[in-house]
């Protein structure tokens, strides 16, 4: 499970290019599913590899990691009181944690770090999530849409 969380944390550092609209509370309230296309990200990493061995290694594990990600579902439930419930369904285990969220001065969603005492920790501090074409996209790299959230309800 810790490997899964580590992969998730790395994936949250990935982001996208697009024009964003300012986020409002009514845009956010509800449940969102995190979508991670880890294979696409790994393909990009392979293209940027410094050595042929590194490229081959990345390509070799991309299918394996992609298969793992198929067994993981992550939901963010944004509540009106700025509370956040994060539920991870992984390998027939369900883990739920609490966090908080707010909309910053720039009009982007910010998810605050969870309790450091927990084994489950999603590092999203300093990431701004932008609303683009009805999906929430992290701004970390703004290269592609391989990590984003879609509204469930």
C-alpha atoms as a PDB file:
ATOM      1  CA  UNK A   1       0.000   0.000   0.000  1.00  0.00           C
ATOM      2  CA  UNK A   2       2.879   2.373   0.763  1.00  0.00           C
ATOM      3  CA  UNK A   3       4.251   1.837  -2.763  1.00  0.00           C
ATOM      4  CA  UNK A   4       0.845   2.737  -4.115  1.00  0.00           C
ATOM      5  CA  UNK A   5       0.767   5.941  -2.091  1.00  0.00           C
ATOM      6  CA  UNK A   6       4.300   6.784  -3.230  1.00  0.00           C
ATOM      7  CA  UNK A   7       3.269   6.314  -6.869  1.00  0.00           C
ATOM      8  CA  UNK A   8       0.245   8.478  -6.252  1.00  0.00           C
ATOM      9  CA  UNK A   9       2.366  11.215  -4.694  1.00  0.00           C
ATOM     10  CA  UNK A  10       4.719  11.196  -7.674  1.00  0.00           C
ATOM     11  CA  UNK A  11       1.782  11.301 -10.052  1.00  0.00           C
ATOM     12  CA  UNK A  12       0.339  14.343  -8.320  1.00  0.00           C
ATOM     13  CA  UNK A  13       3.486  16.224  -9.234  1.00  0.00           C
ATOM     14  CA  UNK A  14       2.583  15.847 -12.914  1.00  0.00           C
ATOM     15  CA  UNK A  15       0.342  18.361 -14.699  1.00  0.00           C
ATOM     16  CA  UNK A  16      -0.897  20.000 -17.856  1.00  0.00           C
ATOM     17  CA  UNK A  17      -1.090  22.885 -20.367  1.00  0.00           C
ATOM     18  CA  UNK A  18      -4.411  24.683 -20.927  1.00  0.00           C
ATOM     19  CA  UNK A  19      -6.337  27.792 -20.093  1.00  0.00           C
ATOM     20  CA  UNK A  20      -8.013  27.693 -16.734  1.00  0.00           C
ATOM     21  CA  UNK A  21     -11.024  29.437 -15.337  1.00  0.00           C
ATOM     22  CA  UNK A  22     -11.240  30.644 -11.766  1.00  0.00           C
ATOM     23  CA  UNK A  23     -12.663  28.065  -9.418  1.00  0.00           C
ATOM     24  CA  UNK A  24     -15.691  28.782  -7.235  1.00  0.00           C
ATOM     25  CA  UNK A  25     -16.888  26.834  -4.222  1.00  0.00           C
ATOM     26  CA  UNK A  26     -19.942  25.591  -6.118  1.00  0.00           C
ATOM     27  CA  UNK A  27     -17.638  24.242  -8.855  1.00  0.00           C
ATOM     28  CA  UNK A  28     -15.736  22.147  -6.321  1.00  0.00           C
ATOM     29  CA  UNK A  29     -18.316  20.823  -3.841  1.00  0.00           C
ATOM     30  CA  UNK A  30     -18.965  17.148  -4.473  1.00  0.00           C
ATOM     31  CA  UNK A  31     -17.028  13.996  -5.252  1.00  0.00           C
ATOM     32  CA  UNK A  32     -14.226  13.870  -7.799  1.00  0.00           C
ATOM     33  CA  UNK A  33     -12.297  10.846  -9.061  1.00  0.00           C
ATOM     34  CA  UNK A  34      -8.562  11.136  -9.614  1.00  0.00           C
ATOM     35  CA  UNK A  35      -7.455   9.857 -13.021  1.00  0.00           C
ATOM     36  CA  UNK A  36      -3.799   8.983 -13.534  1.00  0.00           C
ATOM     37  CA  UNK A  37      -2.464   7.891 -16.922  1.00  0.00           C
ATOM     38  CA  UNK A  38       0.854   6.688 -15.546  1.00  0.00           C
ATOM     39  CA  UNK A  39       1.868   4.942 -18.771  1.00  0.00           C
ATOM     40  CA  UNK A  40       1.787   8.203 -20.713  1.00  0.00           C
ATOM     41  CA  UNK A  41       3.858   9.915 -18.058  1.00  0.00           C
ATOM     42  CA  UNK A  42       6.391   7.114 -18.045  1.00  0.00           C
ATOM     43  CA  UNK A  43       6.608   7.263 -21.836  1.00  0.00           C
ATOM     44  CA  UNK A  44       7.456  10.958 -21.613  1.00  0.00           C
ATOM     45  CA  UNK A  45      10.062  10.195 -18.951  1.00  0.00           C
ATOM     46  CA  UNK A  46      11.569   7.528 -21.208  1.00  0.00           C
ATOM     47  CA  UNK A  47      11.867  10.056 -24.024  1.00  0.00           C
ATOM     48  CA  UNK A  48      13.740  12.401 -21.667  1.00  0.00           C
ATOM     49  CA  UNK A  49      16.027   9.661 -20.300  1.00  0.00           C
ATOM     50  CA  UNK A  50      19.731  10.441 -20.143  1.00  0.00           C
ATOM     51  CA  UNK A  51      20.874   6.957 -21.131  1.00  0.00           C
ATOM     52  CA  UNK A  52      19.538   4.111 -23.252  1.00  0.00           C
ATOM     53  CA  UNK A  53      19.566   1.844 -20.180  1.00  0.00           C
ATOM     54  CA  UNK A  54      17.367   4.300 -18.278  1.00  0.00           C
ATOM     55  CA  UNK A  55      14.965   4.510 -21.218  1.00  0.00           C
ATOM     56  CA  UNK A  56      14.716   0.712 -21.502  1.00  0.00           C
ATOM     57  CA  UNK A  57      14.135   0.388 -17.741  1.00  0.00           C
ATOM     58  CA  UNK A  58      11.342   2.972 -17.750  1.00  0.00           C
ATOM     59  CA  UNK A  59       9.614   1.355 -20.715  1.00  0.00           C
ATOM     60  CA  UNK A  60       9.930  -2.080 -19.116  1.00  0.00           C
ATOM     61  CA  UNK A  61       8.185  -1.103 -15.888  1.00  0.00           C
ATOM     62  CA  UNK A  62       5.517   1.152 -17.420  1.00  0.00           C
ATOM     63  CA  UNK A  63       3.143  -1.724 -18.161  1.00  0.00           C
ATOM     64  CA  UNK A  64       3.617  -3.158 -14.694  1.00  0.00           C
ATOM     65  CA  UNK A  65       2.914   0.181 -13.007  1.00  0.00           C
ATOM     66  CA  UNK A  66      -0.047   0.805 -15.309  1.00  0.00           C
ATOM     67  CA  UNK A  67      -1.495  -2.552 -14.266  1.00  0.00           C
ATOM     68  CA  UNK A  68      -1.161  -1.613 -10.615  1.00  0.00           C
ATOM     69  CA  UNK A  69      -2.861   1.739 -11.204  1.00  0.00           C
ATOM     70  CA  UNK A  70      -5.823  -0.074 -12.802  1.00  0.00           C
ATOM     71  CA  UNK A  71      -6.533  -1.579  -9.359  1.00  0.00           C
ATOM     72  CA  UNK A  72      -6.539   1.767  -7.552  1.00  0.00           C
ATOM     73  CA  UNK A  73      -9.387   4.267  -7.312  1.00  0.00           C
ATOM     74  CA  UNK A  74      -8.957   7.572  -5.502  1.00  0.00           C
ATOM     75  CA  UNK A  75     -11.874   9.849  -4.673  1.00  0.00           C
ATOM     76  CA  UNK A  76     -11.812  13.388  -3.309  1.00  0.00           C
ATOM     77  CA  UNK A  77     -15.030  14.506  -1.604  1.00  0.00           C
ATOM     78  CA  UNK A  78     -14.954  18.292  -1.251  1.00  0.00           C
ATOM     79  CA  UNK A  79     -17.369  19.464   1.445  1.00  0.00           C
ATOM     80  CA  UNK A  80     -18.853  22.949   1.924  1.00  0.00           C
ATOM     81  CA  UNK A  81     -17.008  23.581   5.197  1.00  0.00           C
ATOM     82  CA  UNK A  82     -13.626  23.234   3.419  1.00  0.00           C
ATOM     83  CA  UNK A  83     -13.236  19.714   4.754  1.00  0.00           C
ATOM     84  CA  UNK A  84     -11.955  17.081   2.381  1.00  0.00           C
ATOM     85  CA  UNK A  85     -12.479  13.342   2.536  1.00  0.00           C
ATOM     86  CA  UNK A  86     -10.040  11.279   0.470  1.00  0.00           C
ATOM     87  CA  UNK A  87     -10.869   7.640  -0.145  1.00  0.00           C
ATOM     88  CA  UNK A  88      -8.417   5.201  -1.703  1.00  0.00           C
ATOM     89  CA  UNK A  89      -9.734   1.844  -2.916  1.00  0.00           C
ATOM     90  CA  UNK A  90      -6.690  -0.324  -3.596  1.00  0.00           C
ATOM     91  CA  UNK A  91      -6.450  -4.087  -3.891  1.00  0.00           C
ATOM     92  CA  UNK A  92      -9.734  -4.692  -2.060  1.00  0.00           C
ATOM     93  CA  UNK A  93      -8.742  -2.388   0.801  1.00  0.00           C
ATOM     94  CA  UNK A  94     -10.371   0.968   1.486  1.00  0.00           C
ATOM     95  CA  UNK A  95      -8.566   3.726   3.328  1.00  0.00           C
ATOM     96  CA  UNK A  96     -10.092   7.113   4.119  1.00  0.00           C
ATOM     97  CA  UNK A  97      -8.370  10.229   5.381  1.00  0.00           C
ATOM     98  CA  UNK A  98      -9.341  13.832   5.982  1.00  0.00           C
ATOM     99  CA  UNK A  99      -7.778  17.011   4.714  1.00  0.00           C
ATOM    100  CA  UNK A 100      -8.894  20.497   3.837  1.00  0.00           C
ATOM    101  CA  UNK A 101      -9.138  22.696   0.775  1.00  0.00           C
ATOM    102  CA  UNK A 102      -9.478  26.343  -0.142  1.00  0.00           C
ATOM    103  CA  UNK A 103      -9.538  28.615  -3.153  1.00  0.00           C
ATOM    104  CA  UNK A 104      -6.506  30.911  -3.243  1.00  0.00           C
ATOM    105  CA  UNK A 105      -6.322  34.553  -4.399  1.00  0.00           C
ATOM    106  CA  UNK A 106      -5.562  33.462  -7.939  1.00  0.00           C
ATOM    107  CA  UNK A 107      -8.841  31.544  -8.043  1.00  0.00           C
ATOM    108  CA  UNK A 108      -7.319  28.058  -7.977  1.00  0.00           C
ATOM    109  CA  UNK A 109      -8.076  25.134  -5.695  1.00  0.00           C
ATOM    110  CA  UNK A 110      -5.429  24.222  -3.110  1.00  0.00           C
ATOM    111  CA  UNK A 111      -5.535  20.952  -1.188  1.00  0.00           C
ATOM    112  CA  UNK A 112      -3.794  21.137   2.169  1.00  0.00           C
ATOM    113  CA  UNK A 113      -1.579  18.413   3.542  1.00  0.00           C
ATOM    114  CA  UNK A 114      -3.117  15.679   5.596  1.00  0.00           C
ATOM    115  CA  UNK A 115      -2.189  14.819   9.177  1.00  0.00           C
ATOM    116  CA  UNK A 116       1.508  13.907   9.273  1.00  0.00           C
ATOM    117  CA  UNK A 117       0.860  11.280  11.979  1.00  0.00           C
ATOM    118  CA  UNK A 118      -0.898   8.995   9.493  1.00  0.00           C
ATOM    119  CA  UNK A 119       0.806   6.376   7.347  1.00  0.00           C
ATOM    120  CA  UNK A 120      -1.335   7.642   4.504  1.00  0.00           C
ATOM    121  CA  UNK A 121      -0.038  10.989   3.269  1.00  0.00           C
ATOM    122  CA  UNK A 122      -0.750  12.682  -0.021  1.00  0.00           C
ATOM    123  CA  UNK A 123       1.618  15.534  -0.635  1.00  0.00           C
ATOM    124  CA  UNK A 124      -0.256  18.175  -2.563  1.00  0.00           C
ATOM    125  CA  UNK A 125       0.984  21.300  -0.788  1.00  0.00           C
ATOM    126  CA  UNK A 126       1.658  24.175  -3.140  1.00  0.00           C
ATOM    127  CA  UNK A 127      -0.173  22.500  -6.028  1.00  0.00           C
ATOM    128  CA  UNK A 128      -2.873  24.612  -7.571  1.00  0.00           C
ATOM    129  CA  UNK A 129      -5.724  22.779  -9.243  1.00  0.00           C
ATOM    130  CA  UNK A 130      -7.300  24.571 -12.184  1.00  0.00           C
ATOM    131  CA  UNK A 131     -10.730  23.990 -13.646  1.00  0.00           C
ATOM    132  CA  UNK A 132     -10.306  23.380 -17.369  1.00  0.00           C
ATOM    133  CA  UNK A 133     -13.063  21.997 -19.586  1.00  0.00           C
ATOM    134  CA  UNK A 134     -14.946  20.663 -16.547  1.00  0.00           C
ATOM    135  CA  UNK A 135     -12.001  18.786 -15.055  1.00  0.00           C
ATOM    136  CA  UNK A 136      -9.595  19.739 -12.264  1.00  0.00           C
ATOM    137  CA  UNK A 137      -5.979  19.752 -13.382  1.00  0.00           C
ATOM    138  CA  UNK A 138      -2.859  20.196 -11.228  1.00  0.00           C
ATOM    139  CA  UNK A 139      -0.568  22.990 -12.369  1.00  0.00           C
ATOM    140  CA  UNK A 140       2.793  21.493 -11.383  1.00  0.00           C
ATOM    141  CA  UNK A 141       4.198  20.975 -14.882  1.00  0.00           C
ATOM    142  CA  UNK A 142       1.296  21.945 -17.141  1.00  0.00           C
ATOM    143  CA  UNK A 143       2.437  19.646 -19.941  1.00  0.00           C
ATOM    144  CA  UNK A 144      -0.407  17.221 -20.536  1.00  0.00           C
ATOM    145  CA  UNK A 145      -3.592  15.849 -19.074  1.00  0.00           C
ATOM    146  CA  UNK A 146      -2.361  12.586 -17.642  1.00  0.00           C
ATOM    147  CA  UNK A 147      -3.306  13.431 -14.022  1.00  0.00           C
ATOM    148  CA  UNK A 148      -6.642  15.107 -13.366  1.00  0.00           C
ATOM    149  CA  UNK A 149      -9.928  14.843 -11.475  1.00  0.00           C
ATOM    150  CA  UNK A 150     -13.363  14.297 -12.983  1.00  0.00           C
ATOM    151  CA  UNK A 151     -16.638  14.993 -11.203  1.00  0.00           C
ATOM    152  CA  UNK A 152     -18.463  11.883 -10.017  1.00  0.00           C
ATOM    153  CA  UNK A 153     -21.682  13.580  -8.879  1.00  0.00           C
END
